[in-house]
Amino acid sequence: MDEASRTLISTFLQLISSWYSPPLILFSLLLFYHTFEASYAFLTNRREFGWVSFLISKPYAIAMTVGFSEFFIEAYFFRSLTLRLLPLSYVGILAACTGLLIRFGAMLQNTTGFTHLISTKKRDDHALVTTGFYAICRHPAYMGWFLFSVASQIILCNPVSFIAYAFVSWKFFANRIPYEEVYLRQFFGHQYAAYAKRTWSGIPFV
C-alpha cells in the first residue's frame, strides 16, 4: 500500500471513528428525516403513499453523493484545515435540527392540508391554516426544508456544496411556491389573498 492510500485511509478512519463525525451525524439526521416523511405520508395520506413519500429522487441522491464526496475529498487534500473547521459543524447541526423542527411542526399542525404533491383540487377537509407556524410564514414546511438543506453542508463544512445547495434549493422553491399559490388562491379566494399580504413565503426573495 502506497503512502497516498495510507493517508486516505487514515483520514477516513479519523473522521468516522469519533462520535462527533459530521458524515455520520448528517446520515443519522437524513435517516430520521426520510423515515418521518414516509411515516407521516402513510398515516395521513395513504391514497398517495408510495416511493415518492420517502422524498428520495435521482437528483437528490446525486446531490447527497456530491456533498459527501466533497467532504472526503477536502479532508484528504486539506486534512489539517478540515479538522480545524469541524467545530463549525455544531452550527450546522443546530440549524439542521431547527429546520427539521419547523418542518415537522408545520406538517403536524396541518395534517389535513399538507401533502408532498401540490394539490390541484380542493378536498372537503382542506382548510387554510394561519396560526402557529403558519403565522410566521405561508410555507413553514418549505422554510424548514430549505434551512435543513443548507445546514447539511455546514455540518460537512463544504463551501462549494453549501453555495450549490443554497442556489438549487432556492430555485426549486422560487418555481414551486408561485405555482402552488395559484391553486391556493383559487381554493380560498380573498381569505388567502389577505393572508398572503400580511405574511412572507418563508423563502428569501420568493
Protein backbone atom coordinates (compact mmCIF):
# COMPACT_ATOMS: atom_id res chain seq x y z
CA MET A 1 0.00 0.00 0.00
CA ASP A 2 1.47 3.35 -1.04
CA GLU A 3 1.71 6.45 1.13
CA ALA A 4 -1.23 8.20 -0.53
CA SER A 5 -3.53 5.23 0.15
CA ARG A 6 -2.44 5.03 3.77
CA THR A 7 -3.06 8.74 4.22
CA LEU A 8 -6.53 8.48 2.68
CA ILE A 9 -7.49 5.52 4.88
CA SER A 10 -6.05 7.20 7.98
CA THR A 11 -8.01 10.39 7.31
CA PHE A 12 -11.21 8.47 6.63
CA LEU A 13 -10.91 6.43 9.83
CA GLN A 14 -10.07 9.50 11.87
CA LEU A 15 -13.13 11.33 10.62
CA ILE A 16 -15.63 8.49 11.09
CA SER A 17 -14.29 6.83 14.26
CA SER A 18 -15.37 9.62 16.61
CA TRP A 19 -18.94 10.02 17.82
CA TYR A 20 -18.61 13.58 16.59
CA SER A 21 -18.32 12.66 12.96
CA PRO A 22 -20.02 15.08 10.53
CA PRO A 23 -20.84 12.42 7.90
CA LEU A 24 -22.34 10.05 10.46
CA ILE A 25 -24.30 12.82 12.16
CA LEU A 26 -25.70 14.01 8.84
CA PHE A 27 -26.52 10.45 7.80
CA SER A 28 -28.43 9.99 11.08
CA LEU A 29 -30.38 13.20 10.51
CA LEU A 30 -31.19 12.14 6.94
CA LEU A 31 -32.37 8.73 8.12
CA PHE A 32 -34.64 10.35 10.69
CA TYR A 33 -35.89 12.90 8.14
CA HIS A 34 -36.85 10.38 5.46
CA THR A 35 -38.38 7.97 7.97
CA PHE A 36 -40.55 10.71 9.42
CA GLU A 37 -41.64 11.94 5.99
CA ALA A 38 -42.67 8.47 4.84
CA SER A 39 -44.40 7.64 8.13
CA TYR A 40 -46.30 10.92 8.05
CA ALA A 41 -47.47 10.27 4.49
CA PHE A 42 -48.56 6.74 5.37
CA LEU A 43 -50.57 7.86 8.38
CA THR A 44 -52.20 10.96 6.88
CA ASN A 45 -52.47 10.36 3.15
CA ARG A 46 -52.36 6.68 2.30
CA ARG A 47 -54.06 7.18 -1.06
CA GLU A 48 -50.91 8.93 -2.31
CA PHE A 49 -48.37 6.89 -0.33
CA GLY A 50 -45.56 5.37 -2.34
CA TRP A 51 -41.86 5.61 -3.05
CA VAL A 52 -42.26 9.34 -3.60
CA SER A 53 -43.26 9.65 0.07
CA PHE A 54 -39.64 8.99 1.07
CA LEU A 55 -38.63 12.12 -0.88
CA ILE A 56 -35.67 10.38 -2.50
CA SER A 57 -35.18 11.12 -6.17
CA LYS A 58 -32.29 10.66 -8.57
CA PRO A 59 -31.26 14.35 -8.47
CA TYR A 60 -31.48 14.26 -4.67
CA ALA A 61 -29.28 11.15 -4.48
CA ILE A 62 -26.74 12.79 -6.79
CA ALA A 63 -26.71 15.95 -4.68
CA MET A 64 -26.11 13.98 -1.49
CA THR A 65 -23.36 11.96 -3.15
CA VAL A 66 -21.67 15.17 -4.26
CA GLY A 67 -21.93 16.62 -0.76
CA PHE A 68 -20.41 13.62 0.99
CA SER A 69 -17.76 13.29 -1.72
CA GLU A 70 -16.71 16.91 -1.29
CA PHE A 71 -16.24 16.36 2.42
CA PHE A 72 -13.90 13.40 1.97
CA ILE A 73 -12.02 14.96 -0.95
CA GLU A 74 -11.36 18.12 1.02
CA ALA A 75 -10.48 16.06 4.09
CA TYR A 76 -7.88 14.23 2.01
CA PHE A 77 -6.28 17.21 0.29
CA PHE A 78 -6.78 19.75 3.09
CA ARG A 79 -6.68 17.49 6.10
CA SER A 80 -5.50 19.95 8.75
CA LEU A 81 -7.89 22.67 7.57
CA THR A 82 -10.83 20.26 7.59
CA LEU A 83 -10.08 19.17 11.13
CA ARG A 84 -9.80 22.80 12.29
CA LEU A 85 -13.14 23.64 10.70
CA LEU A 86 -15.02 20.73 12.27
CA PRO A 87 -16.31 22.84 15.22
CA LEU A 88 -18.31 24.78 12.61
CA SER A 89 -20.39 21.63 12.28
CA TYR A 90 -22.04 22.48 15.60
CA VAL A 91 -23.64 25.49 13.92
CA GLY A 92 -24.83 23.28 11.08
CA ILE A 93 -26.28 20.68 13.45
CA LEU A 94 -28.21 23.35 15.35
CA ALA A 95 -29.51 24.89 12.11
CA ALA A 96 -30.44 21.49 10.65
CA CYS A 97 -32.35 20.45 13.78
CA THR A 98 -34.12 23.81 13.81
CA GLY A 99 -35.10 23.32 10.18
CA LEU A 100 -36.50 19.85 10.87
CA LEU A 101 -38.37 21.12 13.92
CA ILE A 102 -40.02 23.85 11.85
CA ARG A 103 -40.88 21.48 9.00
CA PHE A 104 -42.22 18.65 11.13
CA GLY A 105 -44.09 21.07 13.38
CA ALA A 106 -45.80 22.64 10.37
CA MET A 107 -46.67 19.23 8.96
CA LEU A 108 -48.18 18.03 12.23
CA GLN A 109 -50.14 21.24 12.62
CA ASN A 110 -51.65 20.99 9.13
CA THR A 111 -52.39 17.28 8.84
CA THR A 112 -55.40 17.75 6.54
CA GLY A 113 -53.80 20.25 4.17
CA PHE A 114 -50.15 19.22 3.88
CA THR A 115 -49.18 16.77 1.14
CA HIS A 116 -45.92 16.05 -0.66
CA LEU A 117 -47.61 16.67 -4.00
CA ILE A 118 -49.21 20.00 -4.84
CA SER A 119 -53.00 19.76 -4.59
CA THR A 120 -54.77 20.95 -7.73
CA LYS A 121 -58.24 20.18 -6.39
CA LYS A 122 -59.68 21.30 -3.08
CA ARG A 123 -60.73 18.47 -0.80
CA ASP A 124 -63.65 18.68 1.61
CA ASP A 125 -61.29 18.67 4.59
CA HIS A 126 -58.88 21.21 3.09
CA ALA A 127 -58.70 24.24 5.39
CA LEU A 128 -56.48 27.33 5.43
CA VAL A 129 -54.23 27.35 8.49
CA THR A 130 -52.94 30.77 9.55
CA THR A 131 -51.91 30.21 13.18
CA GLY A 132 -48.90 28.67 14.88
CA PHE A 133 -46.08 28.03 12.43
CA TYR A 134 -48.27 29.42 9.66
CA ALA A 135 -48.48 32.78 11.40
CA ILE A 136 -44.73 33.13 10.86
CA CYS A 137 -44.84 32.48 7.13
CA ARG A 138 -47.07 30.91 4.48
CA HIS A 139 -44.86 27.89 3.85
CA PRO A 140 -43.09 26.94 7.09
CA ALA A 141 -42.51 23.37 5.91
CA TYR A 142 -40.63 24.71 2.90
CA MET A 143 -38.70 27.12 5.08
CA GLY A 144 -37.69 24.27 7.37
CA TRP A 145 -36.56 22.11 4.48
CA PHE A 146 -34.59 24.98 2.92
CA LEU A 147 -32.81 25.59 6.23
CA PHE A 148 -32.11 21.87 6.66
CA SER A 149 -30.74 21.59 3.12
CA VAL A 150 -28.29 24.44 3.51
CA ALA A 151 -27.34 23.41 7.05
CA SER A 152 -26.46 19.90 5.89
CA GLN A 153 -23.47 21.35 4.06
CA ILE A 154 -22.47 23.45 7.04
CA ILE A 155 -22.34 20.20 9.02
CA LEU A 156 -19.89 18.86 6.44
CA CYS A 157 -18.03 22.19 6.19
CA ASN A 158 -18.48 22.10 2.40
CA PRO A 159 -18.06 25.59 0.87
CA VAL A 160 -18.79 24.53 -2.72
CA SER A 161 -21.82 22.37 -1.93
CA PHE A 162 -23.10 25.00 0.51
CA ILE A 163 -23.40 27.51 -2.34
CA ALA A 164 -24.78 24.91 -4.74
CA TYR A 165 -27.37 23.60 -2.27
CA ALA A 166 -28.50 27.12 -1.37
CA PHE A 167 -28.96 28.10 -5.02
CA VAL A 168 -30.65 24.89 -6.18
CA SER A 169 -32.97 24.76 -3.16
CA TRP A 170 -33.90 28.41 -3.60
CA LYS A 171 -34.53 27.91 -7.32
CA PHE A 172 -36.76 24.91 -6.60
CA PHE A 173 -38.99 26.87 -4.23
CA ALA A 174 -38.90 30.00 -6.40
CA ASN A 175 -40.64 27.89 -9.05
CA ARG A 176 -42.83 25.76 -6.78
CA ILE A 177 -44.32 28.39 -4.46
CA PRO A 178 -45.85 30.70 -7.12
CA TYR A 179 -47.29 27.65 -8.90
CA GLU A 180 -48.78 26.26 -5.69
CA GLU A 181 -50.20 29.60 -4.62
CA VAL A 182 -52.18 29.87 -7.85
CA TYR A 183 -54.28 26.95 -6.59
CA LEU A 184 -54.37 28.22 -3.02
CA ARG A 185 -55.82 31.49 -4.23
CA GLN A 186 -58.41 29.52 -6.19
CA PHE A 187 -59.27 27.40 -3.15
CA PHE A 188 -59.54 30.18 -0.56
CA GLY A 189 -60.05 33.36 -2.61
CA HIS A 190 -59.86 36.66 -0.73
CA GLN A 191 -59.05 34.85 2.50
CA TYR A 192 -55.75 33.62 1.09
CA ALA A 193 -55.04 36.92 -0.63
CA ALA A 194 -55.32 38.73 2.71
CA TYR A 195 -53.18 36.09 4.41
CA ALA A 196 -50.50 36.36 1.72
CA LYS A 197 -50.47 40.13 2.05
CA ARG A 198 -49.56 40.05 5.74
CA THR A 199 -47.05 37.17 5.66
CA TRP A 200 -43.92 36.23 3.72
CA SER A 201 -43.40 32.99 1.84
CA GLY A 202 -40.73 31.59 4.15
CA ILE A 203 -38.06 31.54 1.42
CA PRO A 204 -35.91 34.67 0.90
CA PHE A 205 -36.86 36.78 -2.12
CA VAL A 206 -39.73 34.50 -3.16
